[in-house]
Amino acid sequence: MGKFINPFTDVGFKIIFGQEFSKPRLLDFLNTLLEGERVITDLKFLDKEQPAIYDGDRSPIYDILCETDNGEKIIVEMQNREHPNFKERMVYYASEAIVRQGEKGTGWGYDIKAVYMVAFTNFVLTDYAGQLRIDVRLTDNEGKLFSGKIRLICLQMPCFTKEADECENHFERWIYILNNMEILDRMPWAAQNAVFQRLAEVAEVSKLSKEERLEYDHALKRYRDTLNAMNGAEQKGRAEGRAEGIEATNRENARKMKQKGIANDVIADVTGLTLGEIQQL
């Protein structure tokens, strides 16, 4: 274990990106993410508690909800556990942030501000295996931008496997640090970059207050429990898959043996299938 906090915990993520003193780091990362497109000069953190859209509404709670100097909303979250409808969840959260901009009365002309959702995932979506950055925009069938008012960016952290000396740009250096922070003994590039130097100062475990350290230790336990649960589910899935494969093989072998006229009791003894299962083949 290194000297820095784990950014995949909710406490670690909040220290790095989610507080007022974190603003320079969040600005630096977002501008790196959107390099060549636009520059965010300032942002403010918003209250996560949103008013209900309808009775019984259970509004989603974002890890970070902020607003740029141009009034655009940016949702930034870290997800460690894969959700079965994760892509739909991203669409829902971004759409809700758009809907909340609506104003009562006939004078409002749908002058909405853009909503960006940036999701760090500690897992990989099956249909995007090996792809670090998934970038989704609203386009027509020919790929022409229809509207720039919604943008979904998913960063699949396990897909980044470069070492420090292989990082080619500032974005890759950010991803490398976040992926490896917990095991680092020193912050790379801190001498050349003021943002990383400041990150090293605030993210050192030994510099946390007693209350912060207690909160962080609890968060680290939750994170490890989540990983253990995910690994257990994955191992169970593999075991079930192997069992299903063996059963399918036994059924196919039993079918071939029946075709050769071998007695059912012999087939049952060889394959482990019951006589009833064999009779149904």
Protein backbone atom coordinates (compact mmCIF):
# COMPACT_ATOMS: atom_id res chain seq x y z
CA MET A 1 0.00 0.00 0.00
CA GLY A 2 1.26 3.49 -0.87
CA LYS A 3 0.97 6.78 0.98
CA PHE A 4 -2.05 8.24 -0.84
CA ILE A 5 -5.81 7.77 -0.51
CA ASN A 6 -7.80 5.44 -2.72
CA PRO A 7 -9.73 7.64 -5.19
CA PHE A 8 -12.30 4.89 -5.80
CA THR A 9 -13.71 5.34 -2.30
CA ASP A 10 -16.43 7.95 -1.87
CA VAL A 11 -14.31 9.86 0.65
CA GLY A 12 -11.21 9.78 -1.55
CA PHE A 13 -13.16 10.87 -4.61
CA LYS A 14 -14.70 13.75 -2.67
CA ILE A 15 -11.28 14.95 -1.44
CA ILE A 16 -9.84 14.92 -4.96
CA PHE A 17 -12.74 16.42 -6.91
CA GLY A 18 -15.80 17.20 -4.79
CA GLN A 19 -15.09 20.10 -2.44
CA GLU A 20 -14.58 23.82 -2.88
CA PHE A 21 -10.82 23.53 -2.39
CA SER A 22 -10.86 20.76 -5.02
CA LYS A 23 -12.06 23.16 -7.72
CA PRO A 24 -8.64 23.68 -9.41
CA ARG A 25 -8.21 19.91 -9.78
CA LEU A 26 -11.72 19.37 -11.12
CA LEU A 27 -11.30 22.26 -13.56
CA ASP A 28 -7.95 20.90 -14.69
CA PHE A 29 -9.35 17.41 -15.25
CA LEU A 30 -12.51 18.55 -17.05
CA ASN A 31 -10.55 20.86 -19.35
CA THR A 32 -8.16 18.01 -20.07
CA LEU A 33 -11.14 15.79 -20.86
CA LEU A 34 -12.63 18.39 -23.23
CA GLU A 35 -9.34 19.63 -24.65
CA GLY A 36 -9.71 21.11 -28.11
CA GLU A 37 -13.45 21.65 -27.66
CA ARG A 38 -13.89 24.31 -25.01
CA VAL A 39 -12.35 25.75 -21.84
CA ILE A 40 -14.18 25.98 -18.51
CA THR A 41 -12.91 29.02 -16.62
CA ASP A 42 -14.92 28.56 -13.43
CA LEU A 43 -17.54 26.36 -11.81
CA LYS A 44 -19.56 26.15 -8.65
CA PHE A 45 -20.64 23.12 -6.67
CA LEU A 46 -24.38 22.63 -6.36
CA ASP A 47 -26.45 21.05 -3.62
CA LYS A 48 -26.97 17.38 -4.43
CA GLU A 49 -30.45 17.41 -2.97
CA GLN A 50 -32.76 18.22 -5.88
CA PRO A 51 -36.48 19.15 -5.61
CA ALA A 52 -38.83 16.33 -6.63
CA ILE A 53 -40.25 16.36 -10.16
CA TYR A 54 -43.39 14.51 -9.04
CA ASP A 55 -44.89 13.09 -5.85
CA GLY A 56 -42.93 10.07 -4.69
CA ASP A 57 -39.93 11.05 -6.83
CA ARG A 58 -36.69 9.61 -5.53
CA SER A 59 -34.14 11.90 -7.14
CA PRO A 60 -30.74 10.44 -7.96
CA ILE A 61 -27.91 11.61 -5.76
CA TYR A 62 -24.82 12.45 -7.81
CA ASP A 63 -21.29 12.15 -6.49
CA ILE A 64 -20.60 15.67 -7.76
CA LEU A 65 -23.04 18.12 -9.30
CA CYS A 66 -21.60 21.42 -10.51
CA GLU A 67 -22.31 24.28 -12.87
CA THR A 68 -19.88 26.00 -15.23
CA ASP A 69 -19.44 29.71 -15.74
CA ASN A 70 -21.83 29.43 -18.72
CA GLY A 71 -24.57 27.74 -16.72
CA GLU A 72 -23.91 24.24 -18.04
CA LYS A 73 -24.46 21.37 -15.63
CA ILE A 74 -21.75 18.76 -15.09
CA ILE A 75 -22.41 15.50 -13.27
CA VAL A 76 -19.31 13.57 -12.18
CA GLU A 77 -19.59 10.21 -10.49
CA MET A 78 -17.52 7.17 -9.58
CA GLN A 79 -19.09 3.72 -9.91
CA ASN A 80 -17.43 0.61 -8.50
CA ARG A 81 -20.29 -1.86 -8.93
CA GLU A 82 -21.69 -2.68 -12.36
CA HIS A 83 -25.37 -1.87 -12.77
CA PRO A 84 -27.41 -4.04 -15.21
CA ASN A 85 -28.81 -0.91 -16.87
CA PHE A 86 -25.82 1.38 -16.37
CA LYS A 87 -26.07 3.07 -19.79
CA GLU A 88 -29.77 3.76 -19.30
CA ARG A 89 -28.97 5.11 -15.85
CA MET A 90 -26.54 7.62 -17.34
CA VAL A 91 -29.18 8.73 -19.85
CA TYR A 92 -31.75 9.11 -17.08
CA TYR A 93 -29.54 11.20 -14.80
CA ALA A 94 -28.49 13.54 -17.62
CA SER A 95 -32.07 13.83 -18.86
CA GLU A 96 -33.32 14.67 -15.38
CA ALA A 97 -30.78 17.48 -15.12
CA ILE A 98 -32.18 18.86 -18.39
CA VAL A 99 -35.82 18.52 -17.32
CA ARG A 100 -35.15 20.42 -14.09
CA GLN A 101 -34.23 23.48 -16.16
CA GLY A 102 -37.82 23.86 -17.33
CA GLU A 103 -39.67 27.00 -16.27
CA LYS A 104 -43.39 27.45 -15.68
CA GLY A 105 -45.43 29.62 -17.99
CA THR A 106 -45.70 30.13 -21.72
CA GLY A 107 -42.77 32.54 -21.94
CA TRP A 108 -40.09 29.88 -21.60
CA GLY A 109 -38.71 28.81 -24.98
CA TYR A 110 -36.75 25.66 -24.08
CA ASP A 111 -33.51 27.60 -23.76
CA ILE A 112 -31.70 24.79 -21.96
CA LYS A 113 -28.06 24.68 -21.00
CA ALA A 114 -25.91 21.72 -21.92
CA VAL A 115 -25.57 18.83 -19.48
CA TYR A 116 -22.39 16.75 -19.31
CA MET A 117 -22.25 13.50 -17.42
CA VAL A 118 -18.82 12.05 -16.69
CA ALA A 119 -18.76 8.58 -15.13
CA PHE A 120 -15.62 6.84 -13.85
CA THR A 121 -16.28 3.10 -13.78
CA ASN A 122 -14.24 0.50 -11.97
CA PHE A 123 -15.67 -2.15 -14.31
CA VAL A 124 -15.94 -2.67 -18.07
CA LEU A 125 -19.15 -2.76 -20.09
CA THR A 126 -19.32 -5.97 -22.09
CA ASP A 127 -20.00 -4.28 -25.43
CA TYR A 128 -17.14 -1.78 -24.90
CA ALA A 129 -14.40 -4.14 -23.76
CA GLY A 130 -10.92 -2.64 -24.08
CA GLN A 131 -12.19 0.92 -24.66
CA LEU A 132 -11.04 3.45 -22.08
CA ARG A 133 -13.27 6.35 -23.15
CA ILE A 134 -16.86 6.03 -24.33
CA ASP A 135 -18.07 9.38 -25.68
CA VAL A 136 -21.76 9.72 -26.56
CA ARG A 137 -23.42 12.67 -28.32
CA LEU A 138 -26.85 13.22 -29.84
CA THR A 139 -26.36 12.73 -33.59
CA ASP A 140 -28.45 11.74 -36.62
CA ASN A 141 -27.95 8.50 -38.56
CA GLU A 142 -25.24 10.11 -40.70
CA GLY A 143 -23.26 11.14 -37.63
CA LYS A 144 -24.12 14.84 -37.88
CA LEU A 145 -24.52 16.53 -34.50
CA PHE A 146 -28.23 17.08 -33.86
CA SER A 147 -27.86 18.82 -30.50
CA GLY A 148 -24.94 19.52 -28.19
CA LYS A 149 -27.14 19.85 -25.13
CA ILE A 150 -26.40 16.38 -23.78
CA ARG A 151 -23.05 14.61 -23.53
CA LEU A 152 -22.25 11.30 -21.84
CA ILE A 153 -18.64 10.35 -21.18
CA CYS A 154 -17.73 7.05 -19.55
CA LEU A 155 -14.14 6.36 -18.48
CA GLN A 156 -13.59 2.61 -17.99
CA MET A 157 -10.59 2.71 -15.67
CA PRO A 158 -9.59 -1.00 -15.91
CA CYS A 159 -9.00 -0.49 -19.65
CA PHE A 160 -6.03 1.79 -18.98
CA THR A 161 -2.89 -0.35 -18.60
CA LYS A 162 -0.05 2.06 -19.43
CA GLU A 163 2.87 2.61 -17.08
CA ALA A 164 3.93 6.10 -16.00
CA ASP A 165 6.69 6.40 -18.61
CA GLU A 166 4.24 5.40 -21.36
CA CYS A 167 1.75 8.22 -20.72
CA GLU A 168 1.73 10.55 -23.72
CA ASN A 169 -0.39 13.49 -22.55
CA HIS A 170 -1.94 15.20 -19.54
CA PHE A 171 -5.17 13.18 -19.78
CA GLU A 172 -3.29 9.88 -19.63
CA ARG A 173 -1.25 11.13 -16.69
CA TRP A 174 -4.48 11.91 -14.82
CA ILE A 175 -5.88 8.44 -15.52
CA TYR A 176 -2.61 6.77 -14.51
CA ILE A 177 -2.55 8.62 -11.18
CA LEU A 178 -6.17 7.82 -10.36
CA ASN A 179 -5.68 4.17 -11.27
CA ASN A 180 -2.50 3.77 -9.20
CA MET A 181 -2.72 6.38 -6.45
CA GLU A 182 -3.30 3.95 -3.61
CA ILE A 183 -0.04 2.09 -4.32
CA LEU A 184 2.17 5.11 -5.13
CA ASP A 185 4.94 6.19 -2.76
CA ARG A 186 5.36 9.49 -4.56
CA MET A 187 3.20 11.54 -6.88
CA PRO A 188 4.59 11.39 -10.43
CA TRP A 189 4.90 14.66 -12.37
CA ALA A 190 4.35 16.71 -9.19
CA ALA A 191 7.58 18.63 -9.79
CA GLN A 192 6.40 19.71 -13.25
CA ASN A 193 2.72 20.28 -12.54
CA ALA A 194 1.24 22.42 -9.75
CA VAL A 195 -2.10 20.55 -9.86
CA PHE A 196 -0.42 17.20 -9.20
CA GLN A 197 1.79 18.78 -6.55
CA ARG A 198 -1.27 20.05 -4.69
CA LEU A 199 -2.96 16.68 -5.17
CA ALA A 200 -0.01 15.00 -3.47
CA GLU A 201 -0.38 17.36 -0.51
CA VAL A 202 -4.12 16.86 0.10
CA ALA A 203 -4.29 13.16 -0.78
CA GLU A 204 -1.65 11.86 1.60
CA VAL A 205 -3.27 9.55 4.14
CA SER A 206 -0.97 10.65 6.97
CA LYS A 207 -2.18 14.25 6.60
CA LEU A 208 -5.84 13.44 7.18
CA SER A 209 -7.35 14.65 10.43
CA LYS A 210 -8.47 12.10 13.00
CA GLU A 211 -12.09 12.50 11.89
CA GLU A 212 -11.16 12.34 8.19
CA ARG A 213 -9.05 9.23 8.76
CA LEU A 214 -11.90 7.48 10.55
CA GLU A 215 -14.30 8.38 7.75
CA TYR A 216 -11.77 7.28 5.13
CA ASP A 217 -11.14 3.93 6.85
CA HIS A 218 -14.89 3.24 6.84
CA ALA A 219 -15.08 4.20 3.16
CA LEU A 220 -12.12 1.93 2.35
CA LYS A 221 -13.85 -0.98 4.08
CA ARG A 222 -17.03 -0.35 2.06
CA TYR A 223 -14.98 -0.25 -1.13
CA ARG A 224 -13.21 -3.53 -0.35
CA ASP A 225 -16.49 -5.18 0.62
CA THR A 226 -17.90 -4.12 -2.75
CA LEU A 227 -14.91 -5.59 -4.59
CA ASN A 228 -15.18 -8.84 -2.64
CA ALA A 229 -18.89 -9.09 -3.45
CA MET A 230 -18.18 -8.44 -7.14
CA ASN A 231 -15.38 -11.03 -7.21
CA GLY A 232 -17.60 -13.55 -5.44
CA ALA A 233 -20.39 -13.02 -7.96
CA GLU A 234 -17.92 -13.36 -10.83
CA GLN A 235 -16.48 -16.61 -9.45
CA LYS A 236 -19.99 -17.95 -8.90
CA GLY A 237 -20.89 -17.06 -12.46
CA ARG A 238 -17.83 -18.88 -13.79
CA ALA A 239 -18.63 -21.96 -11.69
CA GLU A 240 -22.23 -21.96 -12.90
CA GLY A 241 -21.01 -21.57 -16.46
CA ARG A 242 -18.69 -24.57 -16.10
CA ALA A 243 -21.51 -26.65 -14.57
CA GLU A 244 -23.84 -25.72 -17.42
CA GLY A 245 -21.15 -26.68 -19.91
CA ILE A 246 -20.61 -30.06 -18.29
CA GLU A 247 -24.36 -30.72 -18.22
CA ALA A 248 -24.70 -29.81 -21.90
CA THR A 249 -21.83 -32.15 -22.76
CA ASN A 250 -23.40 -34.98 -20.78
CA ARG A 251 -26.73 -34.49 -22.55
CA GLU A 252 -25.06 -34.51 -25.96
CA ASN A 253 -23.12 -37.66 -25.10
CA ALA A 254 -26.29 -39.33 -23.79
CA ARG A 255 -28.12 -38.42 -27.01
CA LYS A 256 -25.39 -40.05 -29.12
CA MET A 257 -25.36 -43.15 -26.91
CA LYS A 258 -29.14 -43.52 -27.29
CA GLN A 259 -28.75 -43.34 -31.06
CA LYS A 260 -26.31 -46.25 -30.84
CA GLY A 261 -28.84 -48.30 -28.90
CA ILE A 262 -27.03 -48.29 -25.57
CA ALA A 263 -29.30 -49.10 -22.62
CA ASN A 264 -30.61 -46.15 -20.61
CA ASP A 265 -29.27 -47.46 -17.29
CA VAL A 266 -25.77 -47.65 -18.79
CA ILE A 267 -26.11 -44.12 -20.17
CA ALA A 268 -27.24 -42.92 -16.75
CA ASP A 269 -24.24 -44.54 -15.10
CA VAL A 270 -21.80 -42.93 -17.59
CA THR A 271 -23.29 -39.41 -17.82
CA GLY A 272 -24.84 -38.94 -14.40
CA LEU A 273 -28.22 -38.04 -15.92
CA THR A 274 -31.39 -39.52 -14.46
CA LEU A 275 -33.43 -42.09 -16.40
CA GLY A 276 -36.21 -39.52 -16.72
CA GLU A 277 -33.81 -36.99 -18.29
CA ILE A 278 -32.51 -39.61 -20.70
CA GLN A 279 -36.01 -40.68 -21.75
CA GLN A 280 -36.82 -37.05 -22.65
CA LEU A 281 -33.83 -36.71 -25.01
